[in-house]
Amino acid sequence: MKQLKRTPLYEIHLRNKAKMVNFAGWFMPVEYTGILKESRACRRSCVLFDVSHMGEIKISGDKALEFIQYLTTNDAASLVPYRMQYNLFINDRATVIDDFMLYRLQKSFLCVVNASNKDKVLSWLRKNVRNGVDIEDESEKTVLLSLQGPFSQKILEKVSNDSFDNLKYMHFTELSISGIECLISRSGYTGEDGFELYCDAGASQKLWSLFISAGKEFNLELAGLGARDVLRIEAGYPLYGHEINDSINPIEASLNWAVKVKNKDFIGKRIIIDALNNGTKIKRVGFVMKDRGVARAGYDIYKNSKTKIGEVTSGIYSPNIDKFIGMGYVETSYADIGGEILIEIRDRLYRAQICKFPFVKIKTKPCMHRLLQTKYTD
């Protein structure tokens, strides 16, 4: 059996009595004081995540932009240095290899990919590499901390002795904090205002401690992957392996806004254009339970007791809106907002209603939380 990887903060998690689990081949904290408590803390004060299991891949060279444009759906050419975007690697079938954050550095690009897909993405990039493109895996030497919640800016400013009033959402900067060189972006996976900080693995414990000390007056709490999952579902964000995978294309996943077909050629483009013009058979939707129950991934969705129309991909109890919510795929003809569906939970059909994304009020500028009915305009 392959040995699980540990982030440089592993011992700190144990000292804080974190419940550790295997996630994508890593020992990761799923919770500290409780998933619901940590989820509430993010919306009301601030939480700190260790998400160092994520993969960081740097792409550089004279042909780097051209290379990225061909393998992805969003328009990397629209980025100027110190800007970032949500993007998708797709294959020749136009299905999703991974969704990731793309950072435009001064002379290169940084791709922050899902931990479970890092090796697959690296293999895909190297398979398609061309002259004038260099690919470097920086994951092992990089730590990623995520500071999320209403007080995140105050805590970051206290730690850094700097102002972040002018750092806009999906922008980033480079800054030294107590001698630690950091890349800091205003971004996150929660729907709250927040920051993601990249630093050298060797400096991660010091940086973590600085945040813990500065965060005490703001009731900063540690949060694990369980709360992160609750928060991203509340925000309507997809998770690879649940809402997206290598059998789903971006249009089915209601990610039209991350697809740009004008002035850009990319792998799978013909299939994407066909899906845009002619529609898809299935569509990702959000739903709120009308009957009390948690709809888990894999549960069947029905229109009536005999007509199965889809499947649940994620479902939770939301502590921040006190409702049972979820996401899934249904046949497009049944995907209208407000439509009633039935979900089979332990051999019984529970009523639910299709609704718009997000489920909670988003505290950032529009990006991933576009409404389901967003029209394709590019």
Protein backbone atom coordinates (compact mmCIF):
# COMPACT_ATOMS: atom_id res chain seq x y z
CA MET A 1 0.00 0.00 0.00
CA LYS A 2 1.33 3.41 -0.99
CA GLN A 3 2.31 5.57 1.99
CA LEU A 4 0.19 8.67 2.48
CA LYS A 5 1.85 12.05 2.03
CA ARG A 6 1.98 14.62 4.81
CA THR A 7 1.96 18.40 4.51
CA PRO A 8 4.66 20.29 6.45
CA LEU A 9 1.91 21.22 8.94
CA TYR A 10 0.97 17.62 9.78
CA GLU A 11 2.34 17.69 13.36
CA ILE A 12 0.58 21.00 14.03
CA HIS A 13 -2.72 19.43 12.98
CA LEU A 14 -2.18 16.53 15.38
CA ARG A 15 -1.37 18.90 18.24
CA ASN A 16 -4.64 20.70 17.54
CA LYS A 17 -6.51 17.37 17.75
CA ALA A 18 -7.53 17.35 14.11
CA LYS A 19 -9.31 14.29 12.76
CA MET A 20 -7.02 13.17 9.95
CA VAL A 21 -8.24 11.30 6.87
CA ASN A 22 -6.87 10.02 3.58
CA PHE A 23 -7.70 12.56 0.91
CA ALA A 24 -6.23 12.03 -2.56
CA GLY A 25 -3.25 10.21 -1.06
CA TRP A 26 -2.60 12.79 1.66
CA PHE A 27 -3.13 12.83 5.43
CA MET A 28 -5.40 15.86 5.71
CA PRO A 29 -7.46 17.38 8.55
CA VAL A 30 -11.16 16.83 7.89
CA GLU A 31 -12.21 18.66 11.09
CA TYR A 32 -10.91 20.10 14.37
CA THR A 33 -13.83 21.19 16.57
CA GLY A 34 -16.63 20.09 14.27
CA ILE A 35 -17.60 20.57 10.62
CA LEU A 36 -20.74 22.62 11.29
CA LYS A 37 -18.98 24.85 13.84
CA GLU A 38 -16.09 25.50 11.47
CA SER A 39 -18.50 26.21 8.60
CA ARG A 40 -20.34 28.81 10.68
CA ALA A 41 -17.06 30.39 11.78
CA CYS A 42 -16.04 31.00 8.17
CA ARG A 43 -19.21 32.96 7.45
CA ARG A 44 -19.17 34.87 10.75
CA SER A 45 -15.51 35.48 11.60
CA CYS A 46 -12.57 33.75 9.92
CA VAL A 47 -10.99 30.33 9.45
CA LEU A 48 -7.58 29.05 8.39
CA PHE A 49 -7.16 26.03 6.09
CA ASP A 50 -4.09 24.03 5.19
CA VAL A 51 -4.64 23.09 1.54
CA SER A 52 -1.04 22.23 0.74
CA HIS A 53 -2.12 19.01 -0.92
CA MET A 54 -3.05 21.05 -4.01
CA GLY A 55 -0.67 20.83 -6.95
CA GLU A 56 1.34 23.78 -8.28
CA ILE A 57 2.61 23.52 -11.86
CA LYS A 58 4.57 26.34 -13.49
CA ILE A 59 4.46 26.74 -17.28
CA SER A 60 6.98 29.07 -18.91
CA GLY A 61 8.69 29.71 -22.23
CA ASP A 62 8.05 31.70 -25.40
CA LYS A 63 5.11 29.45 -26.37
CA ALA A 64 3.59 29.09 -22.88
CA LEU A 65 0.50 31.22 -23.59
CA GLU A 66 -0.20 29.51 -26.91
CA PHE A 67 0.21 26.11 -25.20
CA ILE A 68 -2.19 26.95 -22.37
CA GLN A 69 -4.74 28.44 -24.75
CA TYR A 70 -4.88 25.21 -26.76
CA LEU A 71 -5.42 22.94 -23.76
CA THR A 72 -7.95 25.05 -21.84
CA THR A 73 -11.39 26.61 -22.29
CA ASN A 74 -11.01 30.06 -20.73
CA ASP A 75 -9.06 32.91 -22.32
CA ALA A 76 -5.62 33.10 -20.72
CA ALA A 77 -4.70 35.87 -23.16
CA SER A 78 -7.06 38.19 -21.28
CA LEU A 79 -4.85 37.98 -18.19
CA VAL A 80 -2.21 40.57 -17.41
CA PRO A 81 0.47 39.93 -14.76
CA TYR A 82 -0.94 39.63 -11.24
CA ARG A 83 -4.36 38.52 -12.46
CA MET A 84 -5.85 35.04 -12.20
CA GLN A 85 -8.81 33.09 -13.54
CA TYR A 86 -10.78 29.90 -13.12
CA ASN A 87 -10.02 27.58 -16.03
CA LEU A 88 -10.54 24.03 -17.28
CA PHE A 89 -8.21 21.51 -18.88
CA ILE A 90 -10.25 19.43 -21.32
CA ASN A 91 -9.42 16.56 -23.66
CA ASP A 92 -10.27 15.83 -27.29
CA ARG A 93 -13.73 14.62 -26.18
CA ALA A 94 -14.24 18.02 -24.52
CA THR A 95 -14.64 16.43 -21.09
CA VAL A 96 -12.90 17.81 -18.03
CA ILE A 97 -9.40 16.63 -17.09
CA ASP A 98 -9.29 19.12 -14.19
CA ASP A 99 -10.55 22.52 -13.13
CA PHE A 100 -7.89 24.83 -11.77
CA MET A 101 -6.79 28.36 -10.98
CA LEU A 102 -4.46 30.00 -13.49
CA TYR A 103 -2.14 32.77 -12.26
CA ARG A 104 -0.40 35.08 -14.74
CA LEU A 105 3.08 35.78 -13.37
CA GLN A 106 5.55 38.22 -14.94
CA LYS A 107 7.23 35.67 -17.20
CA SER A 108 5.27 32.47 -16.64
CA PHE A 109 1.96 30.92 -15.56
CA LEU A 110 1.11 29.05 -12.38
CA CYS A 111 -1.55 26.33 -12.54
CA VAL A 112 -3.02 25.32 -9.17
CA VAL A 113 -4.65 21.94 -9.75
CA ASN A 114 -6.57 19.43 -7.65
CA ALA A 115 -4.40 17.06 -5.63
CA SER A 116 -6.15 13.99 -7.04
CA ASN A 117 -5.45 15.14 -10.59
CA LYS A 118 -1.91 16.53 -10.37
CA ASP A 119 -0.18 13.50 -11.87
CA LYS A 120 -2.85 13.20 -14.57
CA VAL A 121 -2.51 16.88 -15.49
CA LEU A 122 1.29 16.66 -15.58
CA SER A 123 1.08 13.63 -17.86
CA TRP A 124 -1.36 15.44 -20.16
CA LEU A 125 0.80 18.55 -20.32
CA ARG A 126 3.96 16.56 -21.05
CA LYS A 127 2.17 14.52 -23.69
CA ASN A 128 1.21 17.72 -25.51
CA VAL A 129 4.33 19.78 -24.78
CA ARG A 130 5.99 21.61 -27.67
CA ASN A 131 9.18 23.54 -28.31
CA GLY A 132 9.27 26.81 -26.39
CA VAL A 133 7.38 25.41 -23.38
CA ASP A 134 8.85 24.41 -20.02
CA ILE A 135 6.84 22.56 -17.37
CA GLU A 136 7.91 22.43 -13.73
CA ASP A 137 6.15 20.69 -10.84
CA GLU A 138 6.58 22.95 -7.79
CA SER A 139 4.14 21.10 -5.53
CA GLU A 140 6.63 19.50 -3.15
CA LYS A 141 8.30 22.79 -2.26
CA THR A 142 5.11 24.85 -1.98
CA VAL A 143 2.64 25.25 0.88
CA LEU A 144 -0.81 26.78 0.39
CA LEU A 145 -2.75 28.35 3.25
CA SER A 146 -6.27 29.70 2.83
CA LEU A 147 -7.55 32.46 5.12
CA GLN A 148 -11.30 32.86 4.64
CA GLY A 149 -14.05 34.94 6.20
CA PRO A 150 -15.18 38.49 7.01
CA PHE A 151 -12.12 39.24 9.16
CA SER A 152 -9.56 37.73 6.79
CA GLN A 153 -8.29 41.10 5.56
CA LYS A 154 -7.88 42.46 9.10
CA ILE A 155 -5.87 39.40 10.15
CA LEU A 156 -3.70 39.46 7.02
CA GLU A 157 -2.99 43.17 7.47
CA LYS A 158 -2.03 42.61 11.09
CA VAL A 159 0.38 39.82 10.11
CA SER A 160 1.89 41.66 7.14
CA ASN A 161 1.79 45.28 8.38
CA ASP A 162 0.48 46.14 4.94
CA SER A 163 -2.85 47.26 3.42
CA PHE A 164 -4.90 45.05 1.11
CA ASP A 165 -7.64 47.56 0.33
CA ASN A 166 -6.49 47.77 -3.29
CA LEU A 167 -6.10 44.03 -3.90
CA LYS A 168 -9.21 43.09 -5.85
CA TYR A 169 -10.87 39.70 -6.15
CA MET A 170 -8.95 37.36 -8.50
CA HIS A 171 -5.87 39.57 -8.29
CA PHE A 172 -2.66 38.68 -6.49
CA THR A 173 0.56 40.21 -5.26
CA GLU A 174 3.99 39.12 -4.00
CA LEU A 175 5.03 40.21 -0.54
CA SER A 176 7.50 39.38 2.21
CA ILE A 177 5.90 38.63 5.59
CA SER A 178 8.42 38.48 8.45
CA GLY A 179 11.05 37.42 5.94
CA ILE A 180 8.79 34.83 4.27
CA GLU A 181 8.31 35.39 0.54
CA CYS A 182 4.62 34.92 -0.27
CA LEU A 183 2.35 34.99 -3.28
CA ILE A 184 -1.01 36.26 -1.97
CA SER A 185 -4.24 36.16 -3.98
CA ARG A 186 -7.68 37.44 -3.08
CA SER A 187 -9.50 34.23 -3.81
CA GLY A 188 -10.90 31.11 -2.21
CA TYR A 189 -13.31 28.19 -2.38
CA THR A 190 -15.88 29.35 0.17
CA GLY A 191 -17.82 32.28 -1.30
CA GLU A 192 -16.45 34.53 1.46
CA ASP A 193 -13.89 37.26 1.12
CA GLY A 194 -10.53 35.64 1.66
CA PHE A 195 -6.91 35.16 0.69
CA GLU A 196 -4.76 32.27 -0.47
CA LEU A 197 -1.06 32.37 0.41
CA TYR A 198 1.71 30.38 -1.23
CA CYS A 199 5.12 30.11 0.40
CA ASP A 200 8.14 27.84 0.61
CA ALA A 201 7.39 24.64 2.50
CA GLY A 202 10.19 25.30 4.94
CA ALA A 203 8.59 28.54 6.12
CA SER A 204 5.04 27.24 6.47
CA GLN A 205 5.03 26.55 10.21
CA LYS A 206 6.25 30.06 10.96
CA LEU A 207 3.61 31.61 8.69
CA TRP A 208 0.88 29.45 10.22
CA SER A 209 1.91 30.53 13.72
CA LEU A 210 1.81 34.20 12.73
CA PHE A 211 -1.80 33.82 11.62
CA ILE A 212 -2.81 31.92 14.75
CA SER A 213 -1.33 34.65 16.95
CA ALA A 214 -2.82 37.56 14.96
CA GLY A 215 -6.20 35.86 14.63
CA LYS A 216 -6.96 35.44 18.33
CA GLU A 217 -8.69 38.80 18.72
CA PHE A 218 -10.84 38.01 15.66
CA ASN A 219 -11.88 34.53 16.85
CA LEU A 220 -9.92 32.81 14.10
CA GLU A 221 -10.61 29.07 14.00
CA LEU A 222 -8.88 26.20 12.25
CA ALA A 223 -10.99 24.46 9.62
CA GLY A 224 -10.68 21.18 7.78
CA LEU A 225 -11.78 19.73 4.48
CA GLY A 226 -15.23 18.87 5.84
CA ALA A 227 -16.07 22.54 6.38
CA ARG A 228 -14.47 23.42 3.06
CA ASP A 229 -16.87 21.01 1.35
CA VAL A 230 -19.91 22.49 3.11
CA LEU A 231 -18.83 26.01 2.21
CA ARG A 232 -18.17 25.26 -1.46
CA ILE A 233 -21.56 23.54 -1.82
CA GLU A 234 -23.30 26.52 -0.20
CA ALA A 235 -21.51 28.71 -2.76
CA GLY A 236 -22.55 26.42 -5.63
CA TYR A 237 -18.95 25.55 -6.59
CA PRO A 238 -18.25 22.24 -8.32
CA LEU A 239 -15.78 19.66 -7.00
CA TYR A 240 -13.81 17.39 -9.29
CA GLY A 241 -14.92 13.80 -8.83
CA HIS A 242 -18.41 14.94 -7.91
CA GLU A 243 -19.83 17.64 -10.21
CA ILE A 244 -17.13 17.38 -12.87
CA ASN A 245 -15.05 14.51 -14.20
CA ASP A 246 -13.68 13.11 -17.44
CA SER A 247 -17.15 12.13 -18.66
CA ILE A 248 -18.71 15.59 -18.16
CA ASN A 249 -18.17 18.60 -20.41
CA PRO A 250 -18.20 22.23 -19.18
CA ILE A 251 -21.56 23.04 -20.77
CA GLU A 252 -23.27 20.14 -19.01
CA ALA A 253 -21.65 21.38 -15.81
CA SER A 254 -23.21 24.88 -16.24
CA LEU A 255 -19.72 26.37 -16.59
CA ASN A 256 -20.43 28.18 -19.87
CA TRP A 257 -18.94 31.37 -18.42
CA ALA A 258 -15.52 29.67 -18.24
CA VAL A 259 -15.61 28.79 -21.95
CA LYS A 260 -14.44 31.29 -24.58
CA VAL A 261 -14.68 30.25 -28.23
CA LYS A 262 -14.01 33.55 -30.00
CA ASN A 263 -10.48 34.32 -31.20
CA LYS A 264 -9.17 31.11 -29.62
CA ASP A 265 -8.61 27.58 -30.87
CA PHE A 266 -8.52 24.75 -28.35
CA ILE A 267 -8.79 21.01 -28.15
CA GLY A 268 -12.40 19.80 -28.17
CA LYS A 269 -13.69 23.16 -29.44
CA ARG A 270 -15.96 21.66 -32.11
CA ILE A 271 -17.76 19.54 -29.51
CA ILE A 272 -18.11 22.53 -27.19
CA ILE A 273 -19.61 24.69 -29.95
CA ASP A 274 -22.08 21.93 -30.76
CA ALA A 275 -23.12 21.75 -27.11
CA LEU A 276 -23.54 25.52 -26.98
CA ASN A 277 -25.60 25.62 -30.16
CA ASN A 278 -27.71 22.50 -29.69
CA GLY A 279 -27.83 22.08 -25.93
CA THR A 280 -26.92 19.09 -23.80
CA LYS A 281 -28.90 16.08 -22.60
CA ILE A 282 -28.05 16.70 -18.96
CA LYS A 283 -27.35 19.76 -16.82
CA ARG A 284 -25.91 20.50 -13.38
CA VAL A 285 -28.51 21.94 -11.04
CA GLY A 286 -28.84 22.94 -7.42
CA PHE A 287 -31.70 21.87 -5.20
CA VAL A 288 -33.17 22.53 -1.77
CA MET A 289 -34.91 19.69 0.06
CA LYS A 290 -38.58 20.29 0.83
CA ASP A 291 -38.66 17.17 2.96
CA ARG A 292 -36.08 16.82 5.72
CA GLY A 293 -33.21 14.57 4.61
CA VAL A 294 -29.65 14.59 3.29
CA ALA A 295 -29.31 13.67 -0.39
CA ARG A 296 -25.93 11.96 -0.72
CA ALA A 297 -23.79 11.60 -3.85
CA GLY A 298 -25.05 8.76 -6.01
CA TYR A 299 -28.69 8.97 -4.91
CA ASP A 300 -31.18 8.79 -7.79
CA ILE A 301 -33.32 11.76 -8.82
CA TYR A 302 -36.86 11.20 -10.15
CA LYS A 303 -39.57 13.31 -11.74
CA ASN A 304 -42.20 10.95 -10.41
CA SER A 305 -42.13 7.57 -8.73
CA LYS A 306 -41.32 5.80 -12.00
CA THR A 307 -39.28 8.28 -14.05
CA LYS A 308 -35.61 8.55 -13.13
CA ILE A 309 -34.11 11.78 -14.51
CA GLY A 310 -30.72 12.11 -12.86
CA GLU A 311 -28.36 11.63 -9.95
CA VAL A 312 -27.14 13.58 -6.92
CA THR A 313 -23.45 14.58 -6.94
CA SER A 314 -23.23 16.39 -3.56
CA GLY A 315 -25.60 16.93 -0.65
CA ILE A 316 -25.32 18.39 2.86
CA TYR A 317 -27.10 20.05 5.71
CA SER A 318 -26.21 23.74 5.47
CA PRO A 319 -25.66 25.21 8.95
CA ASN A 320 -25.61 28.74 7.56
CA ILE A 321 -29.08 28.69 6.00
CA ASP A 322 -30.52 25.80 8.07
CA LYS A 323 -31.57 23.83 5.00
CA PHE A 324 -30.69 20.56 3.33
CA ILE A 325 -29.19 21.38 -0.05
CA GLY A 326 -27.32 19.71 -2.87
CA MET A 327 -26.29 19.50 -6.49
CA GLY A 328 -26.75 16.95 -9.19
CA TYR A 329 -27.37 16.26 -12.85
CA VAL A 330 -30.81 15.98 -14.38
CA GLU A 331 -32.11 15.66 -17.91
CA THR A 332 -32.11 19.18 -19.33
CA SER A 333 -35.86 19.15 -19.99
CA TYR A 334 -36.38 18.88 -16.22
CA ALA A 335 -33.77 21.47 -15.19
CA ASP A 336 -35.99 24.57 -14.91
CA ILE A 337 -35.57 26.71 -11.80
CA GLY A 338 -38.44 26.07 -9.41
CA GLY A 339 -39.20 22.61 -10.74
CA GLU A 340 -40.00 19.91 -8.19
CA ILE A 341 -38.01 16.68 -8.14
CA LEU A 342 -37.92 13.56 -6.00
CA ILE A 343 -34.77 12.08 -4.51
CA GLU A 344 -34.56 8.49 -3.34
CA ILE A 345 -33.11 8.33 0.19
CA ARG A 346 -33.04 4.89 1.81
CA ASP A 347 -35.84 3.51 -0.40
CA ARG A 348 -38.12 6.49 0.13
CA LEU A 349 -38.77 9.44 -2.20
CA TYR A 350 -38.14 12.89 -0.69
CA ARG A 351 -39.35 16.11 -2.31
CA ALA A 352 -36.87 18.78 -3.43
CA GLN A 353 -36.96 21.93 -5.55
CA ILE A 354 -34.47 23.03 -8.19
CA CYS A 355 -33.00 26.43 -7.37
CA LYS A 356 -30.43 28.98 -8.48
CA PHE A 357 -26.79 28.97 -7.47
CA PRO A 358 -25.45 30.11 -5.02
CA PHE A 359 -27.36 28.99 -1.93
CA VAL A 360 -25.83 31.74 0.23
CA LYS A 361 -25.01 35.37 -0.41
CA ILE A 362 -21.58 35.56 -2.01
CA LYS A 363 -19.16 38.07 -0.52
CA THR A 364 -16.86 38.22 -3.54
CA LYS A 365 -17.29 39.72 -7.00
CA PRO A 366 -19.01 37.43 -9.54
CA CYS A 367 -16.92 34.52 -10.76
CA MET A 368 -17.78 30.87 -10.16
CA HIS A 369 -21.18 31.64 -8.63
CA ARG A 370 -22.95 32.48 -11.89
CA LEU A 371 -26.61 31.59 -11.94
CA LEU A 372 -27.67 28.38 -13.58
CA GLN A 373 -29.63 30.24 -16.24
CA THR A 374 -26.64 32.38 -17.29
CA LYS A 375 -26.79 32.82 -21.05
CA TYR A 376 -23.74 32.15 -23.22
CA THR A 377 -22.72 35.50 -24.71
CA ASP A 378 -19.18 35.10 -26.03
